[in-house]
Amino acid sequence: MGQAIGELLPAAVGVAISPVPIIAVVLMLVTARGRVNGPAFVIGWLVGVAAVGAIVLLLAGGIDMTDESGPATWVGWLELVLGVLLLLVAVREWRGRPREGDEAAMPTWMDALDRFTPVKAGGAGIVLSAVNPKNLLLIVAGAAAIAQTGISAGEQAVALLVFVVIASVGVAAPVVIAIAMGERSRGLLDRLKTWLGRNNAVIMAVLMLVIGVKLIGDAISILSS
């Protein structure tokens, strides 16, 4: 299981530090319903990540992910495709980054966060974790990394739990800070939101580049063995 945890770490960290979901939960925390909507968002996020990971593992359970020499050849092709897709996302993010002096554009739906109910906040957590294409690619990559190690179903479940916890640190941290510090957290969270908004594209471009290159390298290793 140690190998599985080592393999899933890059993808889990990539999901954890996705800037837009962190900005969303920070904005929720400063609204009138922040103390309820923030945790609801995190719960939705946990559900989304766990659901996608579990689906991938269940599908992989009915397929032979390994052969006598290691991961099956088709796993290498899957990782190659995922790696190339992540590189394309990296290029898109880098080209779309704000230029010097430009204002970072945020999704228009964020303007409605102050009107969200806990149910909508939870739904937003599910959408931003499981439906967002960038995170979806990373979750699939992380779950595939677990499945290809050939560990038992019980160990896969534990590894997935580790993945979910790590992938949720980014959105959970602002909630913990807000609860622990109360009103004193507003300044810190506002600075975090501003910094993430300004550097969102660059952060995601670097993340996708690093993880994409790793997946391509792993794929080449599998396909050439």
Protein backbone atom coordinates (compact mmCIF):
# COMPACT_ATOMS: atom_id res chain seq x y z
CA MET A 1 0.00 0.00 0.00
CA GLY A 2 2.95 2.30 0.55
CA GLN A 3 3.65 2.21 -3.19
CA ALA A 4 0.04 3.20 -3.94
CA ILE A 5 0.20 6.16 -1.54
CA GLY A 6 3.47 7.29 -3.08
CA GLU A 7 2.00 7.07 -6.58
CA LEU A 8 -1.19 9.00 -5.72
CA LEU A 9 0.49 11.90 -3.89
CA PRO A 10 1.19 14.18 -6.90
CA ALA A 11 -2.41 13.98 -8.15
CA ALA A 12 -3.83 14.43 -4.63
CA VAL A 13 -1.70 17.52 -4.02
CA GLY A 14 -2.74 18.86 -7.41
CA VAL A 15 -6.41 18.61 -6.44
CA ALA A 16 -5.72 20.05 -2.99
CA ILE A 17 -4.20 23.30 -4.19
CA SER A 18 -6.67 24.09 -6.98
CA PRO A 19 -7.09 27.86 -6.51
CA VAL A 20 -10.68 28.42 -7.71
CA PRO A 21 -12.35 26.05 -5.20
CA ILE A 22 -10.28 27.55 -2.38
CA ILE A 23 -11.34 31.06 -3.44
CA ALA A 24 -14.96 29.89 -3.56
CA VAL A 25 -14.92 28.53 -0.02
CA VAL A 26 -13.16 31.67 1.25
CA LEU A 27 -15.87 33.84 -0.31
CA MET A 28 -18.55 31.65 1.26
CA LEU A 29 -16.98 32.02 4.68
CA VAL A 30 -17.37 35.82 4.68
CA THR A 31 -21.11 35.66 3.88
CA ALA A 32 -23.93 35.63 6.42
CA ARG A 33 -24.25 31.83 6.12
CA GLY A 34 -20.49 31.26 6.05
CA ARG A 35 -20.32 29.12 9.20
CA VAL A 36 -22.80 26.68 7.60
CA ASN A 37 -21.99 26.99 3.89
CA GLY A 38 -18.25 26.57 4.34
CA PRO A 39 -18.48 23.14 5.98
CA ALA A 40 -21.28 22.16 3.56
CA PHE A 41 -18.97 22.96 0.64
CA VAL A 42 -16.20 20.82 2.15
CA ILE A 43 -18.62 17.90 2.67
CA GLY A 44 -19.72 18.16 -0.96
CA TRP A 45 -16.07 18.26 -2.02
CA LEU A 46 -15.28 15.12 -0.02
CA VAL A 47 -18.26 13.32 -1.55
CA GLY A 48 -17.28 14.34 -5.08
CA VAL A 49 -13.64 13.26 -4.81
CA ALA A 50 -14.54 9.99 -3.07
CA ALA A 51 -17.29 9.17 -5.58
CA VAL A 52 -15.10 9.62 -8.66
CA GLY A 53 -12.23 7.72 -7.07
CA ALA A 54 -14.52 4.87 -6.02
CA ILE A 55 -16.06 4.62 -9.50
CA VAL A 56 -12.62 4.39 -11.11
CA LEU A 57 -11.53 1.70 -8.64
CA LEU A 58 -14.73 -0.27 -9.15
CA LEU A 59 -14.31 -0.17 -12.93
CA ALA A 60 -10.67 -1.13 -12.58
CA GLY A 61 -11.67 -4.02 -10.32
CA GLY A 62 -13.24 -5.80 -13.28
CA ILE A 63 -10.22 -5.27 -15.52
CA ASP A 64 -6.76 -6.77 -15.34
CA MET A 65 -4.56 -3.79 -14.43
CA THR A 66 -1.37 -5.83 -14.11
CA ASP A 67 0.48 -8.63 -15.84
CA GLU A 68 3.50 -10.72 -14.87
CA SER A 69 5.97 -7.90 -15.47
CA GLY A 70 3.98 -5.08 -13.83
CA PRO A 71 1.17 -2.74 -14.94
CA ALA A 72 -0.68 -3.86 -18.08
CA THR A 73 0.19 -2.19 -21.39
CA TRP A 74 -3.19 -0.47 -21.63
CA VAL A 75 -2.51 1.23 -18.28
CA GLY A 76 0.53 2.82 -19.91
CA TRP A 77 -1.63 4.11 -22.75
CA LEU A 78 -4.16 5.47 -20.24
CA GLU A 79 -1.45 7.32 -18.35
CA LEU A 80 -0.05 8.64 -21.62
CA VAL A 81 -3.45 10.05 -22.62
CA LEU A 82 -4.00 11.59 -19.18
CA GLY A 83 -0.51 13.08 -19.24
CA VAL A 84 -1.02 14.65 -22.67
CA LEU A 85 -4.40 16.06 -21.62
CA LEU A 86 -2.83 17.62 -18.52
CA LEU A 87 -0.09 19.17 -20.65
CA LEU A 88 -2.74 20.69 -22.91
CA VAL A 89 -4.51 22.12 -19.86
CA ALA A 90 -1.17 23.51 -18.65
CA VAL A 91 -0.61 25.29 -21.97
CA ARG A 92 -4.15 26.69 -21.93
CA GLU A 93 -3.79 27.96 -18.36
CA TRP A 94 -0.43 29.55 -19.07
CA ARG A 95 -1.66 31.30 -22.21
CA GLY A 96 -4.74 32.56 -20.36
CA ARG A 97 -2.84 33.97 -17.36
CA PRO A 98 -3.41 37.67 -16.55
CA ARG A 99 -0.72 39.94 -17.96
CA GLU A 100 1.03 42.56 -15.87
CA GLY A 101 -1.54 45.08 -14.62
CA ASP A 102 -4.54 43.02 -15.72
CA GLU A 103 -7.29 42.09 -13.27
CA ALA A 104 -7.67 38.36 -12.71
CA ALA A 105 -11.09 37.25 -13.98
CA MET A 106 -13.14 35.05 -11.68
CA PRO A 107 -16.11 32.87 -12.73
CA THR A 108 -19.35 34.86 -12.81
CA TRP A 109 -21.17 32.33 -10.59
CA MET A 110 -19.03 33.49 -7.67
CA ASP A 111 -21.10 36.68 -7.54
CA ALA A 112 -24.03 34.60 -6.27
CA LEU A 113 -22.16 32.89 -3.41
CA ASP A 114 -23.69 35.17 -0.78
CA ARG A 115 -27.13 33.82 -1.75
CA PHE A 116 -26.17 30.14 -1.57
CA THR A 117 -28.03 27.82 0.75
CA PRO A 118 -26.15 24.95 2.45
CA VAL A 119 -27.55 22.56 -0.17
CA LYS A 120 -26.23 24.74 -3.01
CA ALA A 121 -22.90 25.09 -1.23
CA GLY A 122 -22.63 21.30 -0.96
CA GLY A 123 -23.59 20.95 -4.61
CA ALA A 124 -20.92 23.46 -5.58
CA GLY A 125 -18.37 21.37 -3.68
CA ILE A 126 -19.37 18.28 -5.64
CA VAL A 127 -19.28 20.10 -8.99
CA LEU A 128 -15.91 21.78 -8.38
CA SER A 129 -14.31 18.52 -7.25
CA ALA A 130 -15.88 15.84 -9.44
CA VAL A 131 -17.17 17.68 -12.52
CA ASN A 132 -14.45 20.30 -12.99
CA PRO A 133 -12.38 18.86 -15.88
CA LYS A 134 -9.01 19.74 -14.31
CA ASN A 135 -9.76 18.03 -11.02
CA LEU A 136 -11.54 15.15 -12.73
CA LEU A 137 -8.39 14.32 -14.71
CA LEU A 138 -6.31 14.42 -11.53
CA ILE A 139 -8.73 12.25 -9.53
CA VAL A 140 -8.87 9.67 -12.34
CA ALA A 141 -5.06 9.71 -12.48
CA GLY A 142 -4.83 9.25 -8.71
CA ALA A 143 -7.33 6.39 -8.62
CA ALA A 144 -5.65 4.72 -11.61
CA ALA A 145 -2.33 4.96 -9.76
CA ILE A 146 -3.90 3.10 -6.85
CA ALA A 147 -5.48 0.43 -9.04
CA GLN A 148 -2.35 -0.34 -11.06
CA THR A 149 -0.38 -1.37 -7.96
CA GLY A 150 -2.49 -4.54 -7.71
CA ILE A 151 -3.17 -4.22 -3.97
CA SER A 152 -6.26 -5.76 -2.36
CA ALA A 153 -9.67 -4.06 -2.34
CA GLY A 154 -9.34 -3.20 1.35
CA GLU A 155 -5.94 -1.59 0.81
CA GLN A 156 -7.31 0.29 -2.19
CA ALA A 157 -10.08 1.69 0.02
CA VAL A 158 -7.53 2.90 2.56
CA ALA A 159 -5.36 4.41 -0.18
CA LEU A 160 -8.42 6.17 -1.63
CA LEU A 161 -9.23 7.55 1.83
CA VAL A 162 -5.69 8.95 2.02
CA PHE A 163 -6.17 10.49 -1.43
CA VAL A 164 -9.48 12.09 -0.43
CA VAL A 165 -8.03 13.55 2.77
CA ILE A 166 -4.98 15.04 1.05
CA ALA A 167 -7.07 16.33 -1.87
CA SER A 168 -9.39 18.11 0.58
CA VAL A 169 -6.77 19.94 2.63
CA GLY A 170 -6.92 23.03 0.41
CA VAL A 171 -10.65 23.67 0.80
CA ALA A 172 -10.81 22.49 4.41
CA ALA A 173 -7.99 24.73 5.67
CA PRO A 174 -9.88 28.05 5.27
CA VAL A 175 -12.89 26.58 7.10
CA VAL A 176 -10.70 25.45 9.99
CA ILE A 177 -9.01 28.87 10.10
CA ALA A 178 -12.36 30.69 10.08
CA ILE A 179 -13.76 28.54 12.89
CA ALA A 180 -10.58 28.76 14.99
CA MET A 181 -9.90 32.48 14.52
CA GLY A 182 -13.40 33.87 14.08
CA GLU A 183 -13.50 37.48 12.89
CA ARG A 184 -9.73 37.70 13.07
CA SER A 185 -9.52 35.33 10.10
CA ARG A 186 -11.10 37.79 7.66
CA GLY A 187 -7.91 39.68 6.86
CA LEU A 188 -5.88 36.51 6.39
CA LEU A 189 -8.53 34.86 4.22
CA ASP A 190 -8.94 38.02 2.12
CA ARG A 191 -5.20 38.13 1.43
CA LEU A 192 -5.26 34.44 0.53
CA LYS A 193 -8.18 35.00 -1.86
CA THR A 194 -6.43 37.92 -3.56
CA TRP A 195 -3.15 36.05 -3.97
CA LEU A 196 -4.84 32.93 -5.34
CA GLY A 197 -6.94 34.97 -7.75
CA ARG A 198 -3.88 36.74 -9.10
CA ASN A 199 -1.82 33.56 -9.46
CA ASN A 200 -4.55 31.02 -10.29
CA ALA A 201 -3.51 30.40 -13.90
CA VAL A 202 0.20 30.15 -13.14
CA ILE A 203 -0.35 27.74 -10.23
CA MET A 204 -2.54 25.46 -12.32
CA ALA A 205 -0.21 25.61 -15.34
CA VAL A 206 2.79 24.53 -13.26
CA LEU A 207 0.81 21.81 -11.47
CA MET A 208 -0.58 20.35 -14.68
CA LEU A 209 2.84 20.50 -16.33
CA VAL A 210 4.60 18.66 -13.51
CA ILE A 211 1.92 15.97 -13.09
CA GLY A 212 1.46 15.59 -16.85
CA VAL A 213 5.20 15.05 -17.36
CA LYS A 214 5.25 12.49 -14.53
CA LEU A 215 2.36 10.55 -16.07
CA ILE A 216 3.99 10.58 -19.49
CA GLY A 217 7.25 9.38 -17.95
CA ASP A 218 5.44 6.56 -16.13
CA ALA A 219 3.61 5.65 -19.35
CA ILE A 220 6.86 5.45 -21.32
CA SER A 221 8.32 3.22 -18.62
CA ILE A 222 5.34 0.86 -18.75
CA LEU A 223 5.12 0.74 -22.55
CA SER A 224 8.84 0.13 -22.99
CA SER A 225 9.09 -2.67 -20.42
